[in-house]
PDB file of N, CA and C in Angstrom:
ATOM      1  N   UNK A   1      10.942  22.140 -56.174  1.00  0.00           N
ATOM      2  CA  UNK A   1      10.432  22.292 -54.799  1.00  0.00           C
ATOM      3  C   UNK A   1       8.865  22.821 -54.712  1.00  0.00           C
ATOM      4  N   UNK A   2       8.112  22.039 -54.025  1.00  0.00           N
ATOM      5  CA  UNK A   2       6.784  22.315 -53.965  1.00  0.00           C
ATOM      6  C   UNK A   2       6.520  23.337 -52.815  1.00  0.00           C
ATOM      7  N   UNK A   3       6.025  24.539 -53.137  1.00  0.00           N
ATOM      8  CA  UNK A   3       5.805  25.604 -52.161  1.00  0.00           C
ATOM      9  C   UNK A   3       4.332  25.599 -51.602  1.00  0.00           C
ATOM     10  N   UNK A   4       3.525  24.637 -52.121  1.00  0.00           N
ATOM     11  CA  UNK A   4       2.111  24.661 -51.707  1.00  0.00           C
ATOM     12  C   UNK A   4       1.863  24.215 -50.453  1.00  0.00           C
ATOM     13  N   UNK A   5       0.946  24.685 -49.665  1.00  0.00           N
ATOM     14  CA  UNK A   5       0.625  24.115 -48.160  1.00  0.00           C
ATOM     15  C   UNK A   5       0.476  22.698 -48.244  1.00  0.00           C
ATOM     16  N   UNK A   6       0.967  22.042 -47.222  1.00  0.00           N
ATOM     17  CA  UNK A   6       0.721  20.629 -47.030  1.00  0.00           C
ATOM     18  C   UNK A   6      -0.641  20.320 -46.895  1.00  0.00           C
ATOM     19  N   UNK A   7      -1.150  19.092 -47.321  1.00  0.00           N
ATOM     20  CA  UNK A   7      -2.435  18.694 -47.306  1.00  0.00           C
ATOM     21  C   UNK A   7      -2.787  18.359 -45.793  1.00  0.00           C
ATOM     22  N   UNK A   8      -3.931  18.669 -45.357  1.00  0.00           N
ATOM     23  CA  UNK A   8      -4.454  18.395 -43.943  1.00  0.00           C
ATOM     24  C   UNK A   8      -4.336  16.848 -43.836  1.00  0.00           C
ATOM     25  N   UNK A   9      -3.897  16.362 -42.673  1.00  0.00           N
ATOM     26  CA  UNK A   9      -3.833  14.877 -42.512  1.00  0.00           C
ATOM     27  C   UNK A   9      -5.236  14.296 -42.518  1.00  0.00           C
ATOM     28  N   UNK A  10      -5.273  13.033 -42.775  1.00  0.00           N
ATOM     29  CA  UNK A  10      -6.603  12.336 -42.833  1.00  0.00           C
ATOM     30  C   UNK A  10      -6.987  12.471 -41.444  1.00  0.00           C
ATOM     31  N   UNK A  11      -8.386  12.316 -41.129  1.00  0.00           N
ATOM     32  CA  UNK A  11      -8.936  12.384 -39.912  1.00  0.00           C
ATOM     33  C   UNK A  11      -8.432  11.153 -39.142  1.00  0.00           C
ATOM     34  N   UNK A  12      -8.279  10.036 -39.665  1.00  0.00           N
ATOM     35  CA  UNK A  12      -7.779   8.868 -38.970  1.00  0.00           C
ATOM     36  C   UNK A  12      -6.275   9.070 -38.391  1.00  0.00           C
ATOM     37  N   UNK A  13      -5.559   9.700 -39.246  1.00  0.00           N
ATOM     38  CA  UNK A  13      -4.037  10.050 -38.794  1.00  0.00           C
ATOM     39  C   UNK A  13      -4.146  10.979 -37.714  1.00  0.00           C
ATOM     40  N   UNK A  14      -4.933  12.010 -37.765  1.00  0.00           N
ATOM     41  CA  UNK A  14      -5.114  12.953 -36.764  1.00  0.00           C
ATOM     42  C   UNK A  14      -5.556  12.370 -35.305  1.00  0.00           C
ATOM     43  N   UNK A  15      -6.505  11.555 -35.555  1.00  0.00           N
ATOM     44  CA  UNK A  15      -7.038  10.827 -34.193  1.00  0.00           C
ATOM     45  C   UNK A  15      -5.928   9.765 -33.585  1.00  0.00           C
ATOM     46  N   UNK A  16      -5.195   9.130 -34.471  1.00  0.00           N
ATOM     47  CA  UNK A  16      -4.296   8.246 -34.054  1.00  0.00           C
ATOM     48  C   UNK A  16      -2.995   9.003 -33.412  1.00  0.00           C
ATOM     49  N   UNK A  17      -2.669  10.231 -34.110  1.00  0.00           N
ATOM     50  CA  UNK A  17      -1.693  10.996 -33.455  1.00  0.00           C
ATOM     51  C   UNK A  17      -1.964  11.502 -32.227  1.00  0.00           C
ATOM     52  N   UNK A  18      -3.391  11.966 -31.843  1.00  0.00           N
ATOM     53  CA  UNK A  18      -3.837  12.502 -30.707  1.00  0.00           C
ATOM     54  C   UNK A  18      -3.805  11.456 -29.629  1.00  0.00           C
ATOM     55  N   UNK A  19      -4.229  10.266 -30.104  1.00  0.00           N
ATOM     56  CA  UNK A  19      -4.230   9.062 -29.149  1.00  0.00           C
ATOM     57  C   UNK A  19      -2.775   8.929 -28.544  1.00  0.00           C
ATOM     58  N   UNK A  20      -1.795   8.750 -29.502  1.00  0.00           N
ATOM     59  CA  UNK A  20      -0.343   8.446 -29.155  1.00  0.00           C
ATOM     60  C   UNK A  20       0.073   9.562 -28.202  1.00  0.00           C
ATOM     61  N   UNK A  21      -0.196  10.779 -28.669  1.00  0.00           N
ATOM     62  CA  UNK A  21       0.366  11.872 -27.839  1.00  0.00           C
ATOM     63  C   UNK A  21      -0.330  11.937 -26.406  1.00  0.00           C
ATOM     64  N   UNK A  22      -1.527  11.440 -26.343  1.00  0.00           N
ATOM     65  CA  UNK A  22      -2.174  11.342 -24.980  1.00  0.00           C
ATOM     66  C   UNK A  22      -1.542  10.360 -24.098  1.00  0.00           C
ATOM     67  N   UNK A  23      -1.069   9.171 -24.723  1.00  0.00           N
ATOM     68  CA  UNK A  23      -0.334   8.154 -24.122  1.00  0.00           C
ATOM     69  C   UNK A  23       1.041   8.734 -23.617  1.00  0.00           C
ATOM     70  N   UNK A  24       1.709   9.401 -24.501  1.00  0.00           N
ATOM     71  CA  UNK A  24       3.022   9.986 -24.165  1.00  0.00           C
ATOM     72  C   UNK A  24       2.898  10.941 -23.019  1.00  0.00           C
ATOM     73  N   UNK A  25       1.901  11.818 -23.063  1.00  0.00           N
ATOM     74  CA  UNK A  25       1.494  12.687 -21.955  1.00  0.00           C
ATOM     75  C   UNK A  25       1.441  12.016 -20.593  1.00  0.00           C
ATOM     76  N   UNK A  26       0.553  10.876 -20.643  1.00  0.00           N
ATOM     77  CA  UNK A  26       0.396  10.063 -19.557  1.00  0.00           C
ATOM     78  C   UNK A  26       1.606   9.379 -19.044  1.00  0.00           C
ATOM     79  N   UNK A  27       2.505   8.872 -19.771  1.00  0.00           N
ATOM     80  CA  UNK A  27       3.814   8.321 -19.451  1.00  0.00           C
ATOM     81  C   UNK A  27       4.654   9.435 -18.807  1.00  0.00           C
ATOM     82  N   UNK A  28       4.755  10.557 -19.495  1.00  0.00           N
ATOM     83  CA  UNK A  28       5.514  11.694 -18.948  1.00  0.00           C
ATOM     84  C   UNK A  28       5.150  11.956 -17.596  1.00  0.00           C
ATOM     85  N   UNK A  29       3.839  12.019 -17.178  1.00  0.00           N
ATOM     86  CA  UNK A  29       3.306  12.318 -15.930  1.00  0.00           C
ATOM     87  C   UNK A  29       3.755  11.323 -14.946  1.00  0.00           C
ATOM     88  N   UNK A  30       3.623  10.013 -15.301  1.00  0.00           N
ATOM     89  CA  UNK A  30       4.008   8.801 -14.501  1.00  0.00           C
ATOM     90  C   UNK A  30       5.546   8.971 -14.178  1.00  0.00           C
ATOM     91  N   UNK A  31       6.355   9.364 -15.269  1.00  0.00           N
ATOM     92  CA  UNK A  31       7.603   9.485 -14.927  1.00  0.00           C
ATOM     93  C   UNK A  31       8.049  10.642 -13.852  1.00  0.00           C
ATOM     94  N   UNK A  32       7.283  11.711 -13.983  1.00  0.00           N
ATOM     95  CA  UNK A  32       7.481  12.766 -13.122  1.00  0.00           C
ATOM     96  C   UNK A  32       7.158  12.232 -11.694  1.00  0.00           C
ATOM     97  N   UNK A  33       6.027  11.699 -11.515  1.00  0.00           N
ATOM     98  CA  UNK A  33       5.540  11.189 -10.283  1.00  0.00           C
ATOM     99  C   UNK A  33       6.552  10.106  -9.654  1.00  0.00           C
ATOM    100  N   UNK A  34       7.135   9.257 -10.488  1.00  0.00           N
ATOM    101  CA  UNK A  34       8.018   8.336  -9.965  1.00  0.00           C
ATOM    102  C   UNK A  34       9.212   8.882  -9.564  1.00  0.00           C
ATOM    103  N   UNK A  35       9.764   9.902 -10.306  1.00  0.00           N
ATOM    104  CA  UNK A  35      11.016  10.611  -9.838  1.00  0.00           C
ATOM    105  C   UNK A  35      10.763  11.257  -8.517  1.00  0.00           C
ATOM    106  N   UNK A  36       9.612  11.884  -8.391  1.00  0.00           N
ATOM    107  CA  UNK A  36       9.314  12.669  -7.030  1.00  0.00           C
ATOM    108  C   UNK A  36       9.367  11.600  -6.031  1.00  0.00           C
ATOM    109  N   UNK A  37       8.846  10.348  -6.213  1.00  0.00           N
ATOM    110  CA  UNK A  37       8.841   9.373  -5.076  1.00  0.00           C
ATOM    111  C   UNK A  37      10.236   8.954  -4.867  1.00  0.00           C
ATOM    112  N   UNK A  38      11.108   8.692  -5.970  1.00  0.00           N
ATOM    113  CA  UNK A  38      12.387   8.410  -5.784  1.00  0.00           C
ATOM    114  C   UNK A  38      13.222   9.366  -5.013  1.00  0.00           C
ATOM    115  N   UNK A  39      12.915  10.698  -5.305  1.00  0.00           N
ATOM    116  CA  UNK A  39      13.656  11.618  -4.458  1.00  0.00           C
ATOM    117  C   UNK A  39      13.214  11.807  -3.073  1.00  0.00           C
ATOM    118  N   UNK A  40      11.964  11.480  -2.724  1.00  0.00           N
ATOM    119  CA  UNK A  40      11.382  11.476  -1.459  1.00  0.00           C
ATOM    120  C   UNK A  40      12.286  10.443  -0.682  1.00  0.00           C
ATOM    121  N   UNK A  41      12.586   9.210  -1.250  1.00  0.00           N
ATOM    122  CA  UNK A  41      13.392   8.300  -0.596  1.00  0.00           C
ATOM    123  C   UNK A  41      14.797   8.542  -0.430  1.00  0.00           C
ATOM    124  N   UNK A  42      15.380   9.185  -1.538  1.00  0.00           N
ATOM    125  CA  UNK A  42      16.744   9.577  -1.314  1.00  0.00           C
ATOM    126  C   UNK A  42      17.089  10.820  -0.437  1.00  0.00           C
ATOM    127  N   UNK A  43      16.000  11.506  -0.228  1.00  0.00           N
ATOM    128  CA  UNK A  43      16.032  12.686   0.833  1.00  0.00           C
ATOM    129  C   UNK A  43      16.216  12.010   2.253  1.00  0.00           C
ATOM    130  N   UNK A  44      15.411  10.940   2.477  1.00  0.00           N
ATOM    131  CA  UNK A  44      15.470  10.224   3.745  1.00  0.00           C
ATOM    132  C   UNK A  44      16.982   9.496   3.889  1.00  0.00           C
ATOM    133  N   UNK A  45      17.371   9.156   2.717  1.00  0.00           N
ATOM    134  CA  UNK A  45      18.860   8.527   2.896  1.00  0.00           C
ATOM    135  C   UNK A  45      19.708   9.615   3.129  1.00  0.00           C
ATOM    136  N   UNK A  46      19.621  10.744   2.601  1.00  0.00           N
ATOM    137  CA  UNK A  46      20.519  11.862   2.871  1.00  0.00           C
ATOM    138  C   UNK A  46      20.331  12.264   4.449  1.00  0.00           C
ATOM    139  N   UNK A  47      19.246  12.328   4.938  1.00  0.00           N
ATOM    140  CA  UNK A  47      19.160  12.558   6.437  1.00  0.00           C
ATOM    141  C   UNK A  47      19.725  11.582   7.251  1.00  0.00           C
ATOM    142  N   UNK A  48      19.635  10.302   6.813  1.00  0.00           N
ATOM    143  CA  UNK A  48      20.258   9.149   7.662  1.00  0.00           C
ATOM    144  C   UNK A  48      21.728   9.169   7.502  1.00  0.00           C
ATOM    145  N   UNK A  49      22.180   9.571   6.256  1.00  0.00           N
ATOM    146  CA  UNK A  49      23.694   9.645   6.041  1.00  0.00           C
ATOM    147  C   UNK A  49      24.300  10.880   6.884  1.00  0.00           C
ATOM    148  N   UNK A  50      23.590  11.888   6.898  1.00  0.00           N
ATOM    149  CA  UNK A  50      24.020  13.158   7.656  1.00  0.00           C
ATOM    150  C   UNK A  50      24.066  12.941   9.162  1.00  0.00           C
ATOM    151  N   UNK A  51      23.021  12.267   9.620  1.00  0.00           N
ATOM    152  CA  UNK A  51      22.974  11.875  11.024  1.00  0.00           C
ATOM    153  C   UNK A  51      24.159  11.007  11.554  1.00  0.00           C
ATOM    154  N   UNK A  52      24.527  10.129  10.598  1.00  0.00           N
ATOM    155  CA  UNK A  52      25.714   9.200  10.916  1.00  0.00           C
ATOM    156  C   UNK A  52      26.907   9.555  10.244  1.00  0.00           C
ATOM    157  N   UNK A  53      26.981  10.694   9.781  1.00  0.00           N
ATOM    158  CA  UNK A  53      28.227  11.316   9.211  1.00  0.00           C
ATOM    159  C   UNK A  53      28.821  10.330   8.040  1.00  0.00           C
ATOM    160  N   UNK A  54      28.008   9.871   7.332  1.00  0.00           N
ATOM    161  CA  UNK A  54      28.211   9.166   6.184  1.00  0.00           C
ATOM    162  C   UNK A  54      28.491  10.211   4.914  1.00  0.00           C
ATOM    163  N   UNK A  55      29.351   9.787   3.972  1.00  0.00           N
ATOM    164  CA  UNK A  55      29.579  10.618   2.755  1.00  0.00           C
ATOM    165  C   UNK A  55      28.311  10.643   1.954  1.00  0.00           C
ATOM    166  N   UNK A  56      28.175  11.748   1.371  1.00  0.00           N
ATOM    167  CA  UNK A  56      27.079  12.074   0.396  1.00  0.00           C
ATOM    168  C   UNK A  56      26.985  10.925  -0.785  1.00  0.00           C
ATOM    169  N   UNK A  57      28.224  10.768  -1.232  1.00  0.00           N
ATOM    170  CA  UNK A  57      28.340   9.912  -2.436  1.00  0.00           C
ATOM    171  C   UNK A  57      28.758   8.396  -1.948  1.00  0.00           C
ATOM    172  N   UNK A  58      28.294   7.516  -2.731  1.00  0.00           N
ATOM    173  CA  UNK A  58      28.726   6.069  -2.446  1.00  0.00           C
ATOM    174  C   UNK A  58      29.107   5.502  -3.807  1.00  0.00           C
ATOM    175  N   UNK A  59      30.359   5.760  -4.204  1.00  0.00           N
ATOM    176  CA  UNK A  59      30.656   5.187  -5.501  1.00  0.00           C
ATOM    177  C   UNK A  59      30.546   3.651  -5.718  1.00  0.00           C
ATOM    178  N   UNK A  60      30.659   2.746  -4.857  1.00  0.00           N
ATOM    179  CA  UNK A  60      30.380   1.418  -5.059  1.00  0.00           C
ATOM    180  C   UNK A  60      28.882   1.218  -5.381  1.00  0.00           C
ATOM    181  N   UNK A  61      28.019   1.876  -4.577  1.00  0.00           N
ATOM    182  CA  UNK A  61      26.639   1.705  -4.886  1.00  0.00           C
ATOM    183  C   UNK A  61      26.185   2.373  -6.118  1.00  0.00           C
ATOM    184  N   UNK A  62      26.730   3.412  -6.493  1.00  0.00           N
ATOM    185  CA  UNK A  62      26.489   4.046  -7.837  1.00  0.00           C
ATOM    186  C   UNK A  62      26.968   3.165  -8.970  1.00  0.00           C
ATOM    187  N   UNK A  63      28.061   2.607  -8.896  1.00  0.00           N
ATOM    188  CA  UNK A  63      28.582   1.822  -9.832  1.00  0.00           C
ATOM    189  C   UNK A  63      27.684   0.490 -10.035  1.00  0.00           C
ATOM    190  N   UNK A  64      27.168   0.042  -8.929  1.00  0.00           N
ATOM    191  CA  UNK A  64      26.311  -1.224  -8.943  1.00  0.00           C
ATOM    192  C   UNK A  64      24.950  -0.803  -9.613  1.00  0.00           C
ATOM    193  N   UNK A  65      24.527   0.354  -9.396  1.00  0.00           N
ATOM    194  CA  UNK A  65      23.182   0.797  -9.754  1.00  0.00           C
ATOM    195  C   UNK A  65      23.164   1.082 -11.239  1.00  0.00           C
ATOM    196  N   UNK A  66      24.327   1.597 -11.721  1.00  0.00           N
ATOM    197  CA  UNK A  66      24.609   1.918 -13.181  1.00  0.00           C
ATOM    198  C   UNK A  66      24.590   0.583 -13.949  1.00  0.00           C
ATOM    199  N   UNK A  67      25.290  -0.362 -13.378  1.00  0.00           N
ATOM    200  CA  UNK A  67      25.363  -1.737 -14.028  1.00  0.00           C
ATOM    201  C   UNK A  67      24.006  -2.300 -14.226  1.00  0.00           C
ATOM    202  N   UNK A  68      23.318  -2.204 -12.952  1.00  0.00           N
ATOM    203  CA  UNK A  68      21.846  -2.884 -12.856  1.00  0.00           C
ATOM    204  C   UNK A  68      20.996  -2.180 -13.898  1.00  0.00           C
ATOM    205  N   UNK A  69      20.948  -0.781 -14.042  1.00  0.00           N
ATOM    206  CA  UNK A  69      20.121  -0.030 -14.921  1.00  0.00           C
ATOM    207  C   UNK A  69      20.441  -0.391 -16.291  1.00  0.00           C
ATOM    208  N   UNK A  70      21.862  -0.327 -16.624  1.00  0.00           N
ATOM    209  CA  UNK A  70      22.178  -0.744 -18.024  1.00  0.00           C
ATOM    210  C   UNK A  70      21.568  -2.095 -18.466  1.00  0.00           C
ATOM    211  N   UNK A  71      21.606  -3.099 -17.473  1.00  0.00           N
ATOM    212  CA  UNK A  71      21.086  -4.356 -17.918  1.00  0.00           C
ATOM    213  C   UNK A  71      19.464  -4.354 -17.969  1.00  0.00           C
ATOM    214  N   UNK A  72      18.967  -3.588 -17.172  1.00  0.00           N
ATOM    215  CA  UNK A  72      17.444  -3.481 -17.185  1.00  0.00           C
ATOM    216  C   UNK A  72      17.069  -2.780 -18.545  1.00  0.00           C
ATOM    217  N   UNK A  73      17.840  -1.770 -19.015  1.00  0.00           N
ATOM    218  CA  UNK A  73      17.717  -1.030 -20.074  1.00  0.00           C
ATOM    219  C   UNK A  73      17.736  -1.974 -21.319  1.00  0.00           C
ATOM    220  N   UNK A  74      18.784  -2.761 -21.331  1.00  0.00           N
ATOM    221  CA  UNK A  74      19.146  -3.699 -22.368  1.00  0.00           C
ATOM    222  C   UNK A  74      17.975  -4.608 -22.626  1.00  0.00           C
ATOM    223  N   UNK A  75      17.523  -5.170 -21.388  1.00  0.00           N
ATOM    224  CA  UNK A  75      16.320  -6.111 -21.412  1.00  0.00           C
ATOM    225  C   UNK A  75      15.160  -5.460 -22.024  1.00  0.00           C
ATOM    226  N   UNK A  76      14.972  -4.103 -21.767  1.00  0.00           N
ATOM    227  CA  UNK A  76      13.714  -3.442 -22.120  1.00  0.00           C
ATOM    228  C   UNK A  76      13.872  -2.897 -23.550  1.00  0.00           C
ATOM    229  N   UNK A  77      14.979  -3.126 -24.163  1.00  0.00           N
ATOM    230  CA  UNK A  77      15.313  -2.718 -25.516  1.00  0.00           C
ATOM    231  C   UNK A  77      15.403  -1.041 -25.623  1.00  0.00           C
ATOM    232  N   UNK A  78      16.003  -0.641 -24.511  1.00  0.00           N
ATOM    233  CA  UNK A  78      16.357   0.832 -24.446  1.00  0.00           C
ATOM    234  C   UNK A  78      17.874   0.895 -24.547  1.00  0.00           C
ATOM    235  N   UNK A  79      18.364   1.964 -25.048  1.00  0.00           N
ATOM    236  CA  UNK A  79      19.748   2.200 -25.180  1.00  0.00           C
ATOM    237  C   UNK A  79      20.433   2.271 -23.682  1.00  0.00           C
ATOM    238  N   UNK A  80      21.227   1.293 -23.534  1.00  0.00           N
ATOM    239  CA  UNK A  80      21.889   1.382 -22.201  1.00  0.00           C
ATOM    240  C   UNK A  80      22.652   2.590 -21.937  1.00  0.00           C
ATOM    241  N   UNK A  81      23.322   3.173 -22.770  1.00  0.00           N
ATOM    242  CA  UNK A  81      24.037   4.293 -22.727  1.00  0.00           C
ATOM    243  C   UNK A  81      23.093   5.559 -22.371  1.00  0.00           C
ATOM    244  N   UNK A  82      22.048   5.572 -22.864  1.00  0.00           N
ATOM    245  CA  UNK A  82      21.034   6.556 -22.514  1.00  0.00           C
ATOM    246  C   UNK A  82      20.676   6.427 -21.084  1.00  0.00           C
ATOM    247  N   UNK A  83      20.329   5.108 -20.754  1.00  0.00           N
ATOM    248  CA  UNK A  83      19.984   4.815 -19.296  1.00  0.00           C
ATOM    249  C   UNK A  83      21.025   5.353 -18.375  1.00  0.00           C
ATOM    250  N   UNK A  84      22.227   4.913 -18.700  1.00  0.00           N
ATOM    251  CA  UNK A  84      23.328   5.383 -17.754  1.00  0.00           C
ATOM    252  C   UNK A  84      23.504   6.871 -17.771  1.00  0.00           C
ATOM    253  N   UNK A  85      23.286   7.557 -18.768  1.00  0.00           N
ATOM    254  CA  UNK A  85      23.239   9.046 -18.716  1.00  0.00           C
ATOM    255  C   UNK A  85      22.264   9.616 -17.765  1.00  0.00           C
ATOM    256  N   UNK A  86      21.026   8.987 -17.861  1.00  0.00           N
ATOM    257  CA  UNK A  86      19.934   9.393 -17.173  1.00  0.00           C
ATOM    258  C   UNK A  86      20.241   9.188 -15.692  1.00  0.00           C
ATOM    259  N   UNK A  87      20.720   8.002 -15.418  1.00  0.00           N
ATOM    260  CA  UNK A  87      20.982   7.737 -13.961  1.00  0.00           C
ATOM    261  C   UNK A  87      22.135   8.536 -13.307  1.00  0.00           C
ATOM    262  N   UNK A  88      23.059   8.859 -14.220  1.00  0.00           N
ATOM    263  CA  UNK A  88      24.130   9.642 -13.766  1.00  0.00           C
ATOM    264  C   UNK A  88      23.823  11.080 -13.435  1.00  0.00           C
ATOM    265  N   UNK A  89      22.807  11.629 -14.243  1.00  0.00           N
ATOM    266  CA  UNK A  89      22.201  12.843 -13.952  1.00  0.00           C
ATOM    267  C   UNK A  89      21.409  12.924 -12.721  1.00  0.00           C
ATOM    268  N   UNK A  90      20.572  11.826 -12.412  1.00  0.00           N
ATOM    269  CA  UNK A  90      19.839  11.671 -11.170  1.00  0.00           C
ATOM    270  C   UNK A  90      20.753  11.530 -10.116  1.00  0.00           C
ATOM    271  N   UNK A  91      21.853  10.703 -10.210  1.00  0.00           N
ATOM    272  CA  UNK A  91      22.738  10.499  -9.005  1.00  0.00           C
ATOM    273  C   UNK A  91      23.427  11.805  -8.714  1.00  0.00           C
ATOM    274  N   UNK A  92      23.883  12.611  -9.511  1.00  0.00           N
ATOM    275  CA  UNK A  92      24.382  13.901  -9.374  1.00  0.00           C
ATOM    276  C   UNK A  92      23.494  14.858  -8.528  1.00  0.00           C
ATOM    277  N   UNK A  93      22.198  14.782  -8.893  1.00  0.00           N
ATOM    278  CA  UNK A  93      21.282  15.606  -8.190  1.00  0.00           C
ATOM    279  C   UNK A  93      20.995  15.010  -6.830  1.00  0.00           C
ATOM    280  N   UNK A  94      21.084  13.798  -6.628  1.00  0.00           N
ATOM    281  CA  UNK A  94      21.016  13.130  -5.372  1.00  0.00           C
ATOM    282  C   UNK A  94      22.134  13.514  -4.307  1.00  0.00           C
ATOM    283  N   UNK A  95      23.238  13.414  -4.917  1.00  0.00           N
ATOM    284  CA  UNK A  95      24.555  13.800  -4.213  1.00  0.00           C
ATOM    285  C   UNK A  95      24.377  15.203  -3.832  1.00  0.00           C
ATOM    286  N   UNK A  96      23.976  16.143  -4.624  1.00  0.00           N
ATOM    287  CA  UNK A  96      23.822  17.619  -4.349  1.00  0.00           C
ATOM    288  C   UNK A  96      22.905  17.705  -3.331  1.00  0.00           C
ATOM    289  N   UNK A  97      21.699  17.039  -3.294  1.00  0.00           N
ATOM    290  CA  UNK A  97      20.835  17.145  -2.181  1.00  0.00           C
ATOM    291  C   UNK A  97      21.377  16.511  -0.816  1.00  0.00           C
ATOM    292  N   UNK A  98      22.185  15.513  -0.968  1.00  0.00           N
ATOM    293  CA  UNK A  98      22.797  14.893   0.255  1.00  0.00           C
ATOM    294  C   UNK A  98      23.755  15.951   0.844  1.00  0.00           C
ATOM    295  N   UNK A  99      24.489  16.572  -0.095  1.00  0.00           N
ATOM    296  CA  UNK A  99      25.443  17.540   0.501  1.00  0.00           C
ATOM    297  C   UNK A  99      24.729  18.799   1.227  1.00  0.00           C
ATOM    298  N   UNK A 100      23.613  19.145   0.605  1.00  0.00           N
ATOM    299  CA  UNK A 100      22.844  20.283   1.275  1.00  0.00           C
ATOM    300  C   UNK A 100      22.295  19.866   2.523  1.00  0.00           C
ATOM    301  N   UNK A 101      21.820  18.665   2.636  1.00  0.00           N
ATOM    302  CA  UNK A 101      21.278  18.112   4.056  1.00  0.00           C
ATOM    303  C   UNK A 101      22.348  18.026   4.888  1.00  0.00           C
ATOM    304  N   UNK A 102      23.587  17.461   4.559  1.00  0.00           N
ATOM    305  CA  UNK A 102      24.598  17.424   5.511  1.00  0.00           C
ATOM    306  C   UNK A 102      25.126  18.737   6.064  1.00  0.00           C
ATOM    307  N   UNK A 103      25.183  19.746   5.122  1.00  0.00           N
ATOM    308  CA  UNK A 103      25.570  20.987   5.541  1.00  0.00           C
ATOM    309  C   UNK A 103      24.604  21.629   6.598  1.00  0.00           C
ATOM    310  N   UNK A 104      23.263  21.407   6.317  1.00  0.00           N
ATOM    311  CA  UNK A 104      22.241  21.987   7.220  1.00  0.00           C
ATOM    312  C   UNK A 104      22.184  21.159   8.637  1.00  0.00           C
ATOM    313  N   UNK A 105      22.585  19.923   8.689  1.00  0.00           N
ATOM    314  CA  UNK A 105      22.688  19.113   9.884  1.00  0.00           C
ATOM    315  C   UNK A 105      23.971  19.158  10.699  1.00  0.00           C
ATOM    316  N   UNK A 106      24.915  19.907  10.131  1.00  0.00           N
ATOM    317  CA  UNK A 106      26.104  20.058  10.890  1.00  0.00           C
ATOM    318  C   UNK A 106      26.023  20.708  12.174  1.00  0.00           C
TER     319      UNK A 106
END
């Protein structure tokens, strides 16, 4: 086993790594902003549901969205199971928000 310190990466490797990480950081920022916009819309849905005494969850809509997202993920070469887990996490948060809104508007 070699216990000597690793050689410093080549300048080109360091520059390429920094470029890729900058792209990742930009994508992460875009994802956060897109999620914020999504939640603004789902908050409006929550208020509409509360005003009309509709349930916070809509299992048929959720199942349809999961199937749709799995197909989009597959087309984008993203693991559909990962996409489904992500959407299930988001749906659970949306339902929690809708329940909170409904409780406030009773």
